[in-house]
C-alpha atoms as a PDB file:
ATOM      1  CA  MET A   1      47.207  40.731  46.878  1.00  0.00           C
ATOM      2  CA  VAL A   2      46.823  42.929  50.092  1.00  0.00           C
ATOM      3  CA  THR A   3      43.804  44.712  50.390  1.00  0.00           C
ATOM      4  CA  ALA A   4      43.863  47.831  51.979  1.00  0.00           C
ATOM      5  CA  THR A   5      40.593  50.012  53.653  1.00  0.00           C
ATOM      6  CA  MET A   6      39.903  53.566  52.953  1.00  0.00           C
ATOM      7  CA  THR A   7      38.453  55.470  56.270  1.00  0.00           C
ATOM      8  CA  SER A   8      36.047  57.845  55.659  1.00  0.00           C
ATOM      9  CA  LYS A   9      39.157  60.678  55.949  1.00  0.00           C
ATOM     10  CA  GLY A  10      40.904  59.608  53.082  1.00  0.00           C
ATOM     11  CA  GLN A  11      43.076  57.607  55.383  1.00  0.00           C
ATOM     12  CA  ILE A  12      44.604  53.825  54.592  1.00  0.00           C
ATOM     13  CA  THR A  13      46.484  51.836  57.167  1.00  0.00           C
ATOM     14  CA  ILE A  14      49.480  50.300  54.968  1.00  0.00           C
ATOM     15  CA  PRO A  15      49.212  46.182  55.360  1.00  0.00           C
ATOM     16  CA  ALA A  16      52.665  44.950  58.388  1.00  0.00           C
ATOM     17  CA  GLN A  17      54.314  42.578  55.142  1.00  0.00           C
ATOM     18  CA  ILE A  18      53.919  45.522  53.346  1.00  0.00           C
ATOM     19  CA  ARG A  19      55.598  47.875  55.515  1.00  0.00           C
ATOM     20  CA  ALA A  20      57.770  45.110  56.505  1.00  0.00           C
ATOM     21  CA  ARG A  21      58.557  44.106  52.911  1.00  0.00           C
ATOM     22  CA  PHE A  22      59.397  48.147  51.733  1.00  0.00           C
ATOM     23  CA  ASN A  23      60.677  48.052  55.168  1.00  0.00           C
ATOM     24  CA  LEU A  24      58.613  51.407  55.905  1.00  0.00           C
ATOM     25  CA  GLN A  25      58.739  53.319  58.956  1.00  0.00           C
ATOM     26  CA  PRO A  26      56.704  56.237  60.697  1.00  0.00           C
ATOM     27  CA  GLY A  27      56.917  59.279  59.083  1.00  0.00           C
ATOM     28  CA  ASP A  28      58.169  57.420  55.693  1.00  0.00           C
ATOM     29  CA  GLN A  29      56.365  59.179  52.628  1.00  0.00           C
ATOM     30  CA  LEU A  30      55.028  57.655  49.410  1.00  0.00           C
ATOM     31  CA  ASP A  31      54.234  58.705  45.983  1.00  0.00           C
ATOM     32  CA  PHE A  32      51.213  57.956  44.427  1.00  0.00           C
ATOM     33  CA  TRP A  33      50.768  58.374  40.520  1.00  0.00           C
ATOM     34  CA  GLU A  34      48.737  56.715  37.517  1.00  0.00           C
ATOM     35  CA  ASP A  35      50.742  54.635  35.861  1.00  0.00           C
ATOM     36  CA  GLU A  36      50.060  54.493  31.205  1.00  0.00           C
ATOM     37  CA  THR A  37      47.469  51.507  31.904  1.00  0.00           C
ATOM     38  CA  SER A  38      45.498  53.865  34.055  1.00  0.00           C
ATOM     39  CA  SER A  39      46.550  51.937  37.679  1.00  0.00           C
ATOM     40  CA  LEU A  40      47.736  53.585  40.632  1.00  0.00           C
ATOM     41  CA  ARG A  41      51.518  53.439  41.978  1.00  0.00           C
ATOM     42  CA  LEU A  42      53.191  53.852  45.011  1.00  0.00           C
ATOM     43  CA  THR A  43      56.844  54.590  45.309  1.00  0.00           C
ATOM     44  CA  PRO A  44      58.294  54.379  49.309  1.00  0.00           C
ATOM     45  CA  ARG A  45      60.394  57.497  49.394  1.00  0.00           C
ATOM     46  CA  THR A  46      62.803  55.121  52.269  1.00  0.00           C
ATOM     47  CA  ARG A  47      66.235  56.799  51.064  1.00  0.00           C
ATOM     48  CA  ARG A  48      66.702  59.721  54.270  1.00  0.00           C
ATOM     49  CA  ILE A  49      69.952  62.837  53.100  1.00  0.00           C
ATOM     50  CA  GLU A  50      71.779  60.554  55.554  1.00  0.00           C
ATOM     51  CA  ASP A  51      71.635  57.966  53.836  1.00  0.00           C
ATOM     52  CA  PHE A  52      74.204  60.021  51.198  1.00  0.00           C
ATOM     53  CA  PHE A  53      76.905  60.907  53.731  1.00  0.00           C
ATOM     54  CA  GLY A  54      79.551  59.597  52.174  1.00  0.00           C
ATOM     55  CA  ILE A  55      79.124  58.707  49.070  1.00  0.00           C
ATOM     56  CA  PHE A  56      81.340  60.892  47.763  1.00  0.00           C
ATOM     57  CA  PRO A  57      84.924  61.120  49.540  1.00  0.00           C
ATOM     58  CA  TYR A  58      86.922  64.146  50.030  1.00  0.00           C
ATOM     59  CA  ASP A  59      89.816  64.092  51.600  1.00  0.00           C
ATOM     60  CA  GLY A  60      90.378  67.741  50.633  1.00  0.00           C
ATOM     61  CA  PRO A  61      89.892  70.800  53.076  1.00  0.00           C
ATOM     62  CA  PRO A  62      86.691  71.816  54.350  1.00  0.00           C
ATOM     63  CA  LEU A  63      84.962  74.092  51.243  1.00  0.00           C
ATOM     64  CA  ALA A  64      83.570  77.267  52.315  1.00  0.00           C
ATOM     65  CA  ILE A  65      79.915  77.474  50.932  1.00  0.00           C
ATOM     66  CA  GLU A  66      81.548  81.248  48.701  1.00  0.00           C
ATOM     67  CA  ASP A  67      83.666  78.056  47.224  1.00  0.00           C
ATOM     68  CA  PHE A  68      80.762  76.239  46.070  1.00  0.00           C
ATOM     69  CA  ASP A  69      79.107  79.936  45.028  1.00  0.00           C
ATOM     70  CA  SER A  70      82.053  80.549  42.503  1.00  0.00           C
ATOM     71  CA  VAL A  71      82.227  76.921  41.175  1.00  0.00           C
ATOM     72  CA  ILE A  72      78.371  77.517  40.594  1.00  0.00           C
ATOM     73  CA  ALA A  73      78.701  80.602  38.975  1.00  0.00           C
ATOM     74  CA  ASP A  74      81.336  79.471  36.706  1.00  0.00           C
ATOM     75  CA  ALA A  75      79.351  76.988  35.224  1.00  0.00           C
ATOM     76  CA  VAL A  76      76.228  78.809  34.942  1.00  0.00           C
ATOM     77  CA  VAL A  77      78.634  80.824  32.913  1.00  0.00           C
ATOM     78  CA  GLU A  78      80.510  78.704  31.023  1.00  0.00           C
ATOM     79  CA  ASP A  79      76.861  77.059  29.056  1.00  0.00           C
ATOM     80  CA  TRP A  80      75.816  79.971  28.993  1.00  0.00           C
ATOM     81  CA  LEU A  81      78.764  81.637  26.431  1.00  0.00           C
ATOM     82  CA  SER A  82      78.513  77.777  24.995  1.00  0.00           C
ATOM     83  CA  GLN A  83      75.521  78.255  24.117  1.00  0.00           C
END
């Protein structure tokens, strides 16, 4: 178990071995949440939007934002009509 101490300003320094284990970098965010046993959990948010670049390959021509708007609008109408 690793222990950290909170300062009077409510700040905690994350120990080096934890930062290394989770590859935490300056500016990374952590989610704090309470689980069903009332234990405090931390979840690092280490994924950056850049990490998702190229995850869905597309070989076609570049799409304009208007094309996206049209597809989204069509899907909303289709969903509404199916209810």
